[in-house]
C-alpha atoms as a PDB file:
ATOM      1  CA  MET A   1      -0.013  -0.010  -0.006  1.00  0.00           C
ATOM      2  CA  LYS A   2       1.361   3.424  -0.985  1.00  0.00           C
ATOM      3  CA  VAL A   3       0.892   6.213   1.534  1.00  0.00           C
ATOM      4  CA  LEU A   4       1.667   8.778  -1.168  1.00  0.00           C
ATOM      5  CA  SER A   5       1.301   8.137  -4.855  1.00  0.00           C
ATOM      6  CA  ASP A   6       0.857  10.633  -7.677  1.00  0.00           C
ATOM      7  CA  LEU A   7      -0.932  12.970  -5.260  1.00  0.00           C
ATOM      8  CA  ASP A   8       0.003  16.501  -6.024  1.00  0.00           C
ATOM      9  CA  LEU A   9       0.128  18.249  -2.661  1.00  0.00           C
ATOM     10  CA  ASP A  10       2.434  21.144  -3.466  1.00  0.00           C
ATOM     11  CA  GLY A  11       1.808  21.911  -7.120  1.00  0.00           C
ATOM     12  CA  ASN A  12       4.482  19.450  -8.233  1.00  0.00           C
ATOM     13  CA  ASN A  13       3.964  15.773  -8.923  1.00  0.00           C
ATOM     14  CA  LEU A  14       5.697  13.872  -6.126  1.00  0.00           C
ATOM     15  CA  ASN A  15       6.850  11.052  -8.437  1.00  0.00           C
ATOM     16  CA  ASN A  16       7.873  13.179 -11.442  1.00  0.00           C
ATOM     17  CA  ARG A  17       9.204  16.503 -10.287  1.00  0.00           C
ATOM     18  CA  ALA A  18       9.639  17.854 -13.856  1.00  0.00           C
ATOM     19  CA  ASN A  19       7.716  20.968 -12.806  1.00  0.00           C
ATOM     20  CA  ASP A  20       9.950  21.494  -9.738  1.00  0.00           C
ATOM     21  CA  PRO A  21      11.270  25.114  -9.889  1.00  0.00           C
ATOM     22  CA  ALA A  22      14.558  23.850  -8.510  1.00  0.00           C
ATOM     23  CA  GLY A  23      14.738  21.421 -11.403  1.00  0.00           C
ATOM     24  CA  GLY A  24      15.758  18.536  -9.214  1.00  0.00           C
ATOM     25  CA  ALA A  25      14.202  15.338  -7.935  1.00  0.00           C
ATOM     26  CA  GLY A  26      12.549  17.276  -5.082  1.00  0.00           C
ATOM     27  CA  ALA A  27      13.277  17.145  -1.435  1.00  0.00           C
ATOM     28  CA  ALA A  28      12.096  14.326   0.762  1.00  0.00           C
ATOM     29  CA  PRO A  29       9.301  15.287   3.160  1.00  0.00           C
ATOM     30  CA  SER A  30      10.224  16.368   6.672  1.00  0.00           C
ATOM     31  CA  PHE A  31       8.521  14.963   9.780  1.00  0.00           C
ATOM     32  CA  PHE A  32       7.708  16.182  13.282  1.00  0.00           C
ATOM     33  CA  GLN A  33       5.906  14.491  16.159  1.00  0.00           C
ATOM     34  CA  VAL A  34       5.412  15.354  19.809  1.00  0.00           C
ATOM     35  CA  ARG A  35       3.211  13.781  22.533  1.00  0.00           C
ATOM     36  CA  ASP A  36       2.133  14.760  25.982  1.00  0.00           C
ATOM     37  CA  ASP A  37       4.754  13.827  28.515  1.00  0.00           C
ATOM     38  CA  GLY A  38       2.579  11.422  30.515  1.00  0.00           C
ATOM     39  CA  SER A  39       2.861  13.367  33.772  1.00  0.00           C
ATOM     40  CA  ALA A  40       1.827  17.016  33.416  1.00  0.00           C
ATOM     41  CA  THR A  41      -1.874  17.778  32.952  1.00  0.00           C
ATOM     42  CA  GLN A  42      -3.972  20.671  31.834  1.00  0.00           C
ATOM     43  CA  LEU A  43      -7.517  21.016  33.036  1.00  0.00           C
ATOM     44  CA  THR A  44     -10.033  22.325  30.506  1.00  0.00           C
ATOM     45  CA  THR A  45     -12.260  25.259  31.291  1.00  0.00           C
ATOM     46  CA  GLY A  46     -15.222  26.908  29.534  1.00  0.00           C
ATOM     47  CA  ALA A  47     -12.916  29.465  27.845  1.00  0.00           C
ATOM     48  CA  ALA A  48     -10.399  28.687  25.076  1.00  0.00           C
ATOM     49  CA  ALA A  49      -6.852  28.326  26.450  1.00  0.00           C
ATOM     50  CA  ASP A  50      -3.599  27.439  24.753  1.00  0.00           C
ATOM     51  CA  LEU A  51      -2.645  23.793  25.280  1.00  0.00           C
ATOM     52  CA  THR A  52       0.657  24.300  27.150  1.00  0.00           C
ATOM     53  CA  GLY A  53       2.891  22.670  29.735  1.00  0.00           C
ATOM     54  CA  ILE A  54       2.031  19.048  28.917  1.00  0.00           C
ATOM     55  CA  TRP A  55       4.421  18.427  26.038  1.00  0.00           C
ATOM     56  CA  ASP A  56       7.354  16.034  25.988  1.00  0.00           C
ATOM     57  CA  THR A  57      10.507  16.445  23.871  1.00  0.00           C
ATOM     58  CA  PRO A  58       9.645  15.826  20.197  1.00  0.00           C
ATOM     59  CA  GLU A  59      10.207  12.157  19.248  1.00  0.00           C
ATOM     60  CA  ILE A  60      10.610  13.026  15.557  1.00  0.00           C
ATOM     61  CA  THR A  61      11.841  16.360  14.215  1.00  0.00           C
ATOM     62  CA  SER A  62      14.111  18.028  11.652  1.00  0.00           C
ATOM     63  CA  ILE A  63      15.606  21.467  10.965  1.00  0.00           C
ATOM     64  CA  ASP A  64      12.402  22.356   9.081  1.00  0.00           C
ATOM     65  CA  PHE A  65      10.497  22.566  12.400  1.00  0.00           C
ATOM     66  CA  GLY A  66      10.930  24.625  15.510  1.00  0.00           C
ATOM     67  CA  TRP A  67       9.138  23.634  18.719  1.00  0.00           C
ATOM     68  CA  ASP A  68       8.512  25.508  21.963  1.00  0.00           C
ATOM     69  CA  GLY A  69       7.235  22.907  24.374  1.00  0.00           C
ATOM     70  CA  ALA A  70       6.419  25.483  27.085  1.00  0.00           C
ATOM     71  CA  SER A  71       4.073  27.422  24.814  1.00  0.00           C
ATOM     72  CA  GLY A  72       3.046  24.529  22.538  1.00  0.00           C
ATOM     73  CA  VAL A  73       3.924  26.501  19.401  1.00  0.00           C
ATOM     74  CA  LEU A  74       5.170  24.731  16.256  1.00  0.00           C
ATOM     75  CA  THR A  75       7.146  27.022  13.933  1.00  0.00           C
ATOM     76  CA  LEU A  76       7.919  26.223  10.341  1.00  0.00           C
ATOM     77  CA  ASN A  77      11.487  26.902   9.246  1.00  0.00           C
ATOM     78  CA  ALA A  78      10.842  26.137   5.628  1.00  0.00           C
ATOM     79  CA  ALA A  79       8.125  26.665   2.992  1.00  0.00           C
ATOM     80  CA  GLY A  80       5.924  24.000   1.474  1.00  0.00           C
ATOM     81  CA  THR A  81       2.693  22.213   2.140  1.00  0.00           C
ATOM     82  CA  LEU A  82       2.112  21.111   5.733  1.00  0.00           C
ATOM     83  CA  VAL A  83      -0.065  18.209   6.691  1.00  0.00           C
ATOM     84  CA  LEU A  84      -1.117  18.051  10.410  1.00  0.00           C
ATOM     85  CA  ASP A  85      -2.622  15.143  12.285  1.00  0.00           C
ATOM     86  CA  ILE A  86      -3.782  16.027  15.800  1.00  0.00           C
ATOM     87  CA  VAL A  87      -5.244  13.987  18.625  1.00  0.00           C
ATOM     88  CA  VAL A  88      -6.256  15.591  21.929  1.00  0.00           C
ATOM     89  CA  HIS A  89      -7.341  13.012  24.516  1.00  0.00           C
ATOM     90  CA  SER A  90      -9.138  13.938  27.718  1.00  0.00           C
ATOM     91  CA  TRP A  91     -10.215  12.122  30.924  1.00  0.00           C
ATOM     92  CA  ASN A  92     -12.576  12.937  33.772  1.00  0.00           C
ATOM     93  CA  ASN A  93     -14.252  11.022  36.545  1.00  0.00           C
ATOM     94  CA  ALA A  94     -16.917  13.595  37.421  1.00  0.00           C
ATOM     95  CA  ASN A  95     -19.796  11.326  36.339  1.00  0.00           C
ATOM     96  CA  ASN A  96     -21.013  13.998  33.970  1.00  0.00           C
ATOM     97  CA  ARG A  97     -20.729  14.812  30.263  1.00  0.00           C
ATOM     98  CA  HIS A  98     -17.619  16.484  28.958  1.00  0.00           C
ATOM     99  CA  GLU A  99     -17.614  17.960  25.425  1.00  0.00           C
ATOM    100  CA  LEU A 100     -14.078  18.733  24.343  1.00  0.00           C
ATOM    101  CA  HIS A 101     -13.373  21.457  21.766  1.00  0.00           C
ATOM    102  CA  VAL A 102      -9.985  21.713  20.066  1.00  0.00           C
ATOM    103  CA  ILE A 103      -9.006  24.792  18.009  1.00  0.00           C
ATOM    104  CA  LEU A 104      -6.131  24.741  15.558  1.00  0.00           C
ATOM    105  CA  ALA A 105      -4.790  28.290  15.365  1.00  0.00           C
ATOM    106  CA  GLY A 106      -2.252  29.611  12.893  1.00  0.00           C
ATOM    107  CA  ASP A 107      -0.103  32.741  12.693  1.00  0.00           C
ATOM    108  CA  THR A 108       1.304  33.983   9.360  1.00  0.00           C
ATOM    109  CA  GLY A 109       2.736  37.128  10.884  1.00  0.00           C
ATOM    110  CA  SER A 110      -0.303  39.080  12.078  1.00  0.00           C
ATOM    111  CA  GLY A 111      -1.297  37.131  15.178  1.00  0.00           C
ATOM    112  CA  PHE A 112      -2.946  33.773  15.757  1.00  0.00           C
ATOM    113  CA  SER A 113      -6.379  33.116  14.307  1.00  0.00           C
ATOM    114  CA  GLU A 114      -8.597  30.021  14.220  1.00  0.00           C
ATOM    115  CA  LEU A 115      -8.044  27.756  11.255  1.00  0.00           C
ATOM    116  CA  MET A 116     -10.493  25.054  12.261  1.00  0.00           C
ATOM    117  CA  GLU A 117     -12.241  23.558  15.270  1.00  0.00           C
ATOM    118  CA  GLY A 118     -13.134  19.985  16.134  1.00  0.00           C
ATOM    119  CA  SER A 119     -15.334  18.807  19.013  1.00  0.00           C
ATOM    120  CA  THR A 120     -16.994  15.766  20.416  1.00  0.00           C
ATOM    121  CA  TYR A 121     -18.324  14.314  23.687  1.00  0.00           C
ATOM    122  CA  THR A 122     -15.256  12.620  25.076  1.00  0.00           C
ATOM    123  CA  SER A 123     -16.773  11.324  28.304  1.00  0.00           C
ATOM    124  CA  ARG A 124     -20.246  10.907  29.703  1.00  0.00           C
ATOM    125  CA  ASN A 125     -19.930   9.219  33.130  1.00  0.00           C
ATOM    126  CA  ASN A 126     -17.406   7.688  35.447  1.00  0.00           C
ATOM    127  CA  THR A 127     -17.153   4.427  33.453  1.00  0.00           C
ATOM    128  CA  GLN A 128     -17.031   6.036  30.020  1.00  0.00           C
ATOM    129  CA  ASP A 129     -14.526   8.576  31.163  1.00  0.00           C
ATOM    130  CA  GLU A 130     -12.138   9.315  28.312  1.00  0.00           C
ATOM    131  CA  GLY A 131     -12.138  10.103  24.608  1.00  0.00           C
ATOM    132  CA  SER A 132     -10.422  12.117  21.864  1.00  0.00           C
ATOM    133  CA  VAL A 133     -10.927  14.906  19.384  1.00  0.00           C
ATOM    134  CA  VAL A 134      -9.103  13.955  16.181  1.00  0.00           C
ATOM    135  CA  ILE A 135      -8.116  16.391  13.465  1.00  0.00           C
ATOM    136  CA  PRO A 136      -6.702  14.260  10.610  1.00  0.00           C
ATOM    137  CA  GLY A 137      -4.965  15.495   7.474  1.00  0.00           C
ATOM    138  CA  PHE A 138      -5.359  19.244   7.842  1.00  0.00           C
ATOM    139  CA  LYS A 139      -3.321  20.797   4.958  1.00  0.00           C
ATOM    140  CA  SER A 140      -1.916  24.318   4.744  1.00  0.00           C
ATOM    141  CA  VAL A 141       0.527  26.007   2.345  1.00  0.00           C
ATOM    142  CA  VAL A 142       3.135  27.539   4.608  1.00  0.00           C
ATOM    143  CA  ALA A 143       6.137  29.871   4.481  1.00  0.00           C
ATOM    144  CA  ALA A 144       9.066  29.885   6.854  1.00  0.00           C
ATOM    145  CA  GLY A 145       7.995  31.528  10.067  1.00  0.00           C
ATOM    146  CA  HIS A 146       4.358  30.369  10.054  1.00  0.00           C
ATOM    147  CA  GLU A 147       3.301  29.132  13.494  1.00  0.00           C
ATOM    148  CA  PHE A 148       0.599  26.779  14.759  1.00  0.00           C
ATOM    149  CA  LYS A 149      -0.807  25.993  18.198  1.00  0.00           C
ATOM    150  CA  LEU A 150      -3.769  24.239  19.848  1.00  0.00           C
ATOM    151  CA  GLN A 151      -6.360  25.695  22.118  1.00  0.00           C
ATOM    152  CA  VAL A 152      -8.892  23.751  24.131  1.00  0.00           C
ATOM    153  CA  PHE A 153     -12.139  24.413  25.994  1.00  0.00           C
ATOM    154  CA  ASP A 154     -15.040  22.385  27.355  1.00  0.00           C
ATOM    155  CA  VAL A 155     -18.788  22.387  27.539  1.00  0.00           C
ATOM    156  CA  GLY A 156     -20.050  20.614  30.592  1.00  0.00           C
ATOM    157  CA  VAL A 157     -17.553  19.468  33.228  1.00  0.00           C
ATOM    158  CA  ALA A 158     -13.786  19.979  33.076  1.00  0.00           C
ATOM    159  CA  ALA A 159     -11.448  17.183  32.046  1.00  0.00           C
ATOM    160  CA  SER A 160      -7.698  16.529  32.166  1.00  0.00           C
ATOM    161  CA  ILE A 161      -5.489  16.456  29.090  1.00  0.00           C
ATOM    162  CA  GLY A 162      -2.210  14.632  29.513  1.00  0.00           C
ATOM    163  CA  GLY A 163      -1.127  13.061  32.791  1.00  0.00           C
ATOM    164  CA  SER A 164      -0.468   9.561  34.054  1.00  0.00           C
ATOM    165  CA  THR A 165      -4.061   8.353  33.604  1.00  0.00           C
ATOM    166  CA  ILE A 166      -3.892   8.788  29.801  1.00  0.00           C
ATOM    167  CA  PRO A 167      -0.118   9.096  29.054  1.00  0.00           C
ATOM    168  CA  GLY A 168       1.054   9.899  25.547  1.00  0.00           C
ATOM    169  CA  GLN A 169      -2.432   9.946  24.005  1.00  0.00           C
ATOM    170  CA  THR A 170      -2.348  13.620  22.978  1.00  0.00           C
ATOM    171  CA  TYR A 171      -0.082  14.403  20.032  1.00  0.00           C
ATOM    172  CA  ILE A 172       0.737  16.590  17.093  1.00  0.00           C
ATOM    173  CA  SER A 173       2.212  14.948  14.012  1.00  0.00           C
ATOM    174  CA  ALA A 174       3.344  17.025  11.045  1.00  0.00           C
ATOM    175  CA  THR A 175       4.642  16.287   7.519  1.00  0.00           C
ATOM    176  CA  LEU A 176       6.148  19.053   5.420  1.00  0.00           C
ATOM    177  CA  PHE A 177       6.362  18.628   1.638  1.00  0.00           C
ATOM    178  CA  LYS A 178       8.860  21.066   0.193  1.00  0.00           C
END
Protein backbone atom coordinates (compact mmCIF):
# COMPACT_ATOMS: atom_id res chain seq x y z
CA MET A 1 0.00 0.00 0.00
CA LYS A 2 1.36 3.42 -0.96
CA VAL A 3 0.89 6.21 1.53
CA LEU A 4 1.67 8.79 -1.16
CA SER A 5 1.30 8.15 -4.85
CA ASP A 6 0.86 10.64 -7.68
CA LEU A 7 -0.91 12.95 -5.27
CA ASP A 8 0.02 16.52 -6.02
CA LEU A 9 0.14 18.28 -2.65
CA ASP A 10 2.44 21.17 -3.45
CA GLY A 11 1.82 21.92 -7.12
CA ASN A 12 4.48 19.46 -8.23
CA ASN A 13 3.96 15.78 -8.92
CA LEU A 14 5.71 13.86 -6.14
CA ASN A 15 6.84 11.06 -8.45
CA ASN A 16 7.87 13.18 -11.43
CA ARG A 17 9.23 16.53 -10.30
CA ALA A 18 9.65 17.87 -13.86
CA ASN A 19 7.71 20.97 -12.79
CA ASP A 20 9.94 21.50 -9.76
CA PRO A 21 11.25 25.10 -9.91
CA ALA A 22 14.54 23.85 -8.49
CA GLY A 23 14.76 21.42 -11.42
CA GLY A 24 15.76 18.52 -9.20
CA ALA A 25 14.20 15.35 -7.95
CA GLY A 26 12.56 17.29 -5.10
CA ALA A 27 13.28 17.17 -1.43
CA ALA A 28 12.08 14.34 0.76
CA PRO A 29 9.31 15.29 3.16
CA SER A 30 10.22 16.37 6.69
CA PHE A 31 8.52 14.96 9.77
CA PHE A 32 7.71 16.17 13.29
CA GLN A 33 5.88 14.51 16.16
CA VAL A 34 5.41 15.35 19.82
CA ARG A 35 3.21 13.76 22.52
CA ASP A 36 2.13 14.77 25.97
CA ASP A 37 4.77 13.84 28.52
CA GLY A 38 2.58 11.44 30.52
CA SER A 39 2.87 13.36 33.77
CA ALA A 40 1.83 17.03 33.40
CA THR A 41 -1.87 17.78 32.95
CA GLN A 42 -3.96 20.69 31.80
CA LEU A 43 -7.51 21.02 33.06
CA THR A 44 -10.02 22.33 30.51
CA THR A 45 -12.27 25.28 31.26
CA GLY A 46 -15.22 26.92 29.53
CA ALA A 47 -12.91 29.46 27.86
CA ALA A 48 -10.43 28.69 25.08
CA ALA A 49 -6.88 28.34 26.46
CA ASP A 50 -3.60 27.44 24.77
CA LEU A 51 -2.64 23.79 25.29
CA THR A 52 0.64 24.28 27.16
CA GLY A 53 2.89 22.67 29.73
CA ILE A 54 2.03 19.05 28.91
CA TRP A 55 4.42 18.41 26.05
CA ASP A 56 7.37 16.02 25.98
CA THR A 57 10.50 16.45 23.86
CA PRO A 58 9.65 15.81 20.18
CA GLU A 59 10.21 12.17 19.25
CA ILE A 60 10.64 13.02 15.55
CA THR A 61 11.85 16.36 14.21
CA SER A 62 14.09 18.03 11.62
CA ILE A 63 15.60 21.45 10.94
CA ASP A 64 12.39 22.35 9.08
CA PHE A 65 10.50 22.57 12.40
CA GLY A 66 10.94 24.64 15.53
CA TRP A 67 9.15 23.63 18.73
CA ASP A 68 8.52 25.51 21.96
CA GLY A 69 7.25 22.90 24.40
CA ALA A 70 6.41 25.47 27.09
CA SER A 71 4.06 27.44 24.82
CA GLY A 72 3.04 24.53 22.56
CA VAL A 73 3.92 26.49 19.41
CA LEU A 74 5.15 24.72 16.26
CA THR A 75 7.14 27.02 13.94
CA LEU A 76 7.92 26.21 10.32
CA ASN A 77 11.51 26.91 9.27
CA ALA A 78 10.85 26.11 5.60
CA ALA A 79 8.13 26.68 3.01
CA GLY A 80 5.93 23.99 1.51
CA THR A 81 2.68 22.17 2.15
CA LEU A 82 2.12 21.13 5.74
CA VAL A 83 -0.09 18.20 6.73
CA LEU A 84 -1.10 18.07 10.40
CA ASP A 85 -2.62 15.14 12.28
CA ILE A 86 -3.77 16.02 15.78
CA VAL A 87 -5.25 14.00 18.63
CA VAL A 88 -6.26 15.59 21.93
CA HIS A 89 -7.33 13.02 24.52
CA SER A 90 -9.15 13.94 27.74
CA TRP A 91 -10.24 12.15 30.91
CA ASN A 92 -12.60 12.95 33.76
CA ASN A 93 -14.25 11.02 36.55
CA ALA A 94 -16.93 13.60 37.42
CA ASN A 95 -19.79 11.31 36.32
CA ASN A 96 -21.03 13.99 33.95
CA ARG A 97 -20.73 14.83 30.27
CA HIS A 98 -17.62 16.49 28.94
CA GLU A 99 -17.62 17.96 25.44
CA LEU A 100 -14.06 18.73 24.35
CA HIS A 101 -13.37 21.45 21.77
CA VAL A 102 -9.97 21.73 20.07
CA ILE A 103 -9.01 24.79 18.02
CA LEU A 104 -6.12 24.73 15.57
CA ALA A 105 -4.79 28.29 15.37
CA GLY A 106 -2.25 29.62 12.89
CA ASP A 107 -0.12 32.75 12.66
CA THR A 108 1.31 33.95 9.34
CA GLY A 109 2.71 37.12 10.90
CA SER A 110 -0.31 39.09 12.06
CA GLY A 111 -1.28 37.11 15.17
CA PHE A 112 -2.96 33.78 15.77
CA SER A 113 -6.38 33.10 14.30
CA GLU A 114 -8.59 30.02 14.22
CA LEU A 115 -8.04 27.75 11.23
CA MET A 116 -10.50 25.06 12.27
CA GLU A 117 -12.23 23.56 15.28
CA GLY A 118 -13.13 20.01 16.15
CA SER A 119 -15.32 18.83 19.02
CA THR A 120 -16.99 15.75 20.43
CA TYR A 121 -18.31 14.33 23.67
CA THR A 122 -15.25 12.62 25.08
CA SER A 123 -16.78 11.33 28.30
CA ARG A 124 -20.26 10.90 29.72
CA ASN A 125 -19.97 9.22 33.12
CA ASN A 126 -17.39 7.68 35.44
CA THR A 127 -17.14 4.42 33.46
CA GLN A 128 -17.04 6.05 30.01
CA ASP A 129 -14.52 8.59 31.19
CA GLU A 130 -12.14 9.32 28.30
CA GLY A 131 -12.09 10.10 24.61
CA SER A 132 -10.44 12.14 21.86
CA VAL A 133 -10.94 14.91 19.39
CA VAL A 134 -9.11 13.95 16.19
CA ILE A 135 -8.12 16.41 13.45
CA PRO A 136 -6.70 14.27 10.63
CA GLY A 137 -4.96 15.47 7.49
CA PHE A 138 -5.33 19.26 7.85
CA LYS A 139 -3.33 20.81 4.99
CA SER A 140 -1.90 24.31 4.74
CA VAL A 141 0.50 26.02 2.35
CA VAL A 142 3.15 27.54 4.60
CA ALA A 143 6.12 29.87 4.49
CA ALA A 144 9.06 29.89 6.86
CA GLY A 145 7.99 31.57 10.08
CA HIS A 146 4.37 30.36 10.06
CA GLU A 147 3.29 29.12 13.48
CA PHE A 148 0.61 26.75 14.76
CA LYS A 149 -0.80 25.99 18.21
CA LEU A 150 -3.74 24.24 19.84
CA GLN A 151 -6.37 25.72 22.12
CA VAL A 152 -8.92 23.75 24.13
CA PHE A 153 -12.13 24.41 26.01
CA ASP A 154 -15.03 22.39 27.35
CA VAL A 155 -18.78 22.39 27.51
CA GLY A 156 -20.04 20.60 30.61
CA VAL A 157 -17.55 19.48 33.22
CA ALA A 158 -13.80 20.00 33.08
CA ALA A 159 -11.45 17.20 32.05
CA SER A 160 -7.71 16.56 32.17
CA ILE A 161 -5.49 16.47 29.10
CA GLY A 162 -2.21 14.62 29.53
CA GLY A 163 -1.14 13.06 32.80
CA SER A 164 -0.47 9.57 34.05
CA THR A 165 -4.07 8.37 33.59
CA ILE A 166 -3.87 8.79 29.79
CA PRO A 167 -0.12 9.09 29.06
CA GLY A 168 1.07 9.88 25.54
CA GLN A 169 -2.42 9.94 24.01
CA THR A 170 -2.36 13.62 22.98
CA TYR A 171 -0.10 14.39 20.03
CA ILE A 172 0.74 16.62 17.10
CA SER A 173 2.18 14.95 14.00
CA ALA A 174 3.33 17.03 11.03
CA THR A 175 4.63 16.28 7.55
CA LEU A 176 6.14 19.07 5.42
CA PHE A 177 6.35 18.62 1.66
CA LYS A 178 8.88 21.08 0.22
